[in-house]
């Protein structure tokens, strides 16, 4: 399921990063790599603040839909 479906406070394991090659590279540079844990800190109108590799990152709903957990 996409990362956007995870509720605040839950943790998931990234299974796949989708989208165009440019989008995949952008997300991988932020730390969204298959096999890593990602925790949703807050969720407002589909936009997320997540904790990945010890960093907090804000991503929009469109980007969150490309990350499968």
C-alpha atoms as a PDB file:
ATOM      1  CA  UNK A   1       0.000   0.000   0.000  1.00  0.00           C
ATOM      2  CA  UNK A   2       1.180   3.585  -0.530  1.00  0.00           C
ATOM      3  CA  UNK A   3       2.838   5.505   2.296  1.00  0.00           C
ATOM      4  CA  UNK A   4      -0.088   7.947   2.237  1.00  0.00           C
ATOM      5  CA  UNK A   5      -2.320   5.193   3.717  1.00  0.00           C
ATOM      6  CA  UNK A   6      -0.195   4.826   6.895  1.00  0.00           C
ATOM      7  CA  UNK A   7      -1.601   6.586   9.972  1.00  0.00           C
ATOM      8  CA  UNK A   8       0.354   8.967  12.193  1.00  0.00           C
ATOM      9  CA  UNK A   9       2.534   7.092  14.673  1.00  0.00           C
ATOM     10  CA  UNK A  10       2.799   3.952  12.526  1.00  0.00           C
ATOM     11  CA  UNK A  11       5.974   2.551  10.996  1.00  0.00           C
ATOM     12  CA  UNK A  12       6.316   0.744   7.684  1.00  0.00           C
ATOM     13  CA  UNK A  13       9.082  -0.832   5.646  1.00  0.00           C
ATOM     14  CA  UNK A  14       9.628   0.649   2.201  1.00  0.00           C
ATOM     15  CA  UNK A  15       9.004  -2.045  -0.412  1.00  0.00           C
ATOM     16  CA  UNK A  16       9.292  -0.047  -3.638  1.00  0.00           C
ATOM     17  CA  UNK A  17       9.739   3.518  -4.862  1.00  0.00           C
ATOM     18  CA  UNK A  18       7.746   4.185  -8.040  1.00  0.00           C
ATOM     19  CA  UNK A  19       7.351   6.988 -10.538  1.00  0.00           C
ATOM     20  CA  UNK A  20       9.549   8.336 -13.299  1.00  0.00           C
ATOM     21  CA  UNK A  21      13.316   7.839 -13.061  1.00  0.00           C
ATOM     22  CA  UNK A  22      13.800  11.472 -12.008  1.00  0.00           C
ATOM     23  CA  UNK A  23      11.221  11.089  -9.206  1.00  0.00           C
ATOM     24  CA  UNK A  24      12.760   7.825  -7.986  1.00  0.00           C
ATOM     25  CA  UNK A  25      16.203   9.415  -7.839  1.00  0.00           C
ATOM     26  CA  UNK A  26      14.853  12.435  -5.946  1.00  0.00           C
ATOM     27  CA  UNK A  27      13.131  10.246  -3.332  1.00  0.00           C
ATOM     28  CA  UNK A  28      16.171   7.965  -2.975  1.00  0.00           C
ATOM     29  CA  UNK A  29      18.360  11.035  -2.363  1.00  0.00           C
ATOM     30  CA  UNK A  30      15.991  12.003   0.470  1.00  0.00           C
ATOM     31  CA  UNK A  31      16.506   8.549   1.997  1.00  0.00           C
ATOM     32  CA  UNK A  32      13.497   6.617   0.699  1.00  0.00           C
ATOM     33  CA  UNK A  33      15.267   3.358  -0.186  1.00  0.00           C
ATOM     34  CA  UNK A  34      13.660  -0.101  -0.345  1.00  0.00           C
ATOM     35  CA  UNK A  35      14.157  -2.048   2.891  1.00  0.00           C
ATOM     36  CA  UNK A  36      14.384   0.982   5.200  1.00  0.00           C
ATOM     37  CA  UNK A  37      11.897   1.829   7.954  1.00  0.00           C
ATOM     38  CA  UNK A  38       9.779   4.964   7.694  1.00  0.00           C
ATOM     39  CA  UNK A  39       7.630   6.379  10.519  1.00  0.00           C
ATOM     40  CA  UNK A  40       4.767   8.791   9.901  1.00  0.00           C
ATOM     41  CA  UNK A  41       4.957  11.589  12.482  1.00  0.00           C
ATOM     42  CA  UNK A  42       1.964  13.624  11.337  1.00  0.00           C
ATOM     43  CA  UNK A  43      -0.575  13.641   8.556  1.00  0.00           C
ATOM     44  CA  UNK A  44      -2.565  16.702   7.486  1.00  0.00           C
ATOM     45  CA  UNK A  45      -4.792  16.568   4.385  1.00  0.00           C
ATOM     46  CA  UNK A  46      -2.682  13.729   2.957  1.00  0.00           C
ATOM     47  CA  UNK A  47       0.591  15.623   3.356  1.00  0.00           C
ATOM     48  CA  UNK A  48       3.047  13.812   5.624  1.00  0.00           C
ATOM     49  CA  UNK A  49       5.914  14.507   7.949  1.00  0.00           C
ATOM     50  CA  UNK A  50       7.961  11.330   8.216  1.00  0.00           C
ATOM     51  CA  UNK A  51      11.011  10.186  10.111  1.00  0.00           C
ATOM     52  CA  UNK A  52      13.507   8.295   7.980  1.00  0.00           C
ATOM     53  CA  UNK A  53      17.122   7.574   8.876  1.00  0.00           C
ATOM     54  CA  UNK A  54      16.894   9.946  11.846  1.00  0.00           C
ATOM     55  CA  UNK A  55      15.678  12.916   9.768  1.00  0.00           C
ATOM     56  CA  UNK A  56      12.248  14.487   9.530  1.00  0.00           C
ATOM     57  CA  UNK A  57      11.048  15.089   5.997  1.00  0.00           C
ATOM     58  CA  UNK A  58       7.814  16.666   4.754  1.00  0.00           C
ATOM     59  CA  UNK A  59       6.364  15.194   1.568  1.00  0.00           C
ATOM     60  CA  UNK A  60       3.175  15.827  -0.342  1.00  0.00           C
ATOM     61  CA  UNK A  61       0.417  13.357  -1.017  1.00  0.00           C
ATOM     62  CA  UNK A  62       1.513  12.823  -4.639  1.00  0.00           C
ATOM     63  CA  UNK A  63       5.038  11.815  -3.592  1.00  0.00           C
ATOM     64  CA  UNK A  64       3.726   9.673  -0.726  1.00  0.00           C
ATOM     65  CA  UNK A  65       1.582   7.740  -3.205  1.00  0.00           C
ATOM     66  CA  UNK A  66       4.724   6.715  -5.123  1.00  0.00           C
ATOM     67  CA  UNK A  67       6.319   5.075  -2.046  1.00  0.00           C
ATOM     68  CA  UNK A  68       5.009   1.569  -1.369  1.00  0.00           C
ATOM     69  CA  UNK A  69       5.249   0.109   2.141  1.00  0.00           C
END
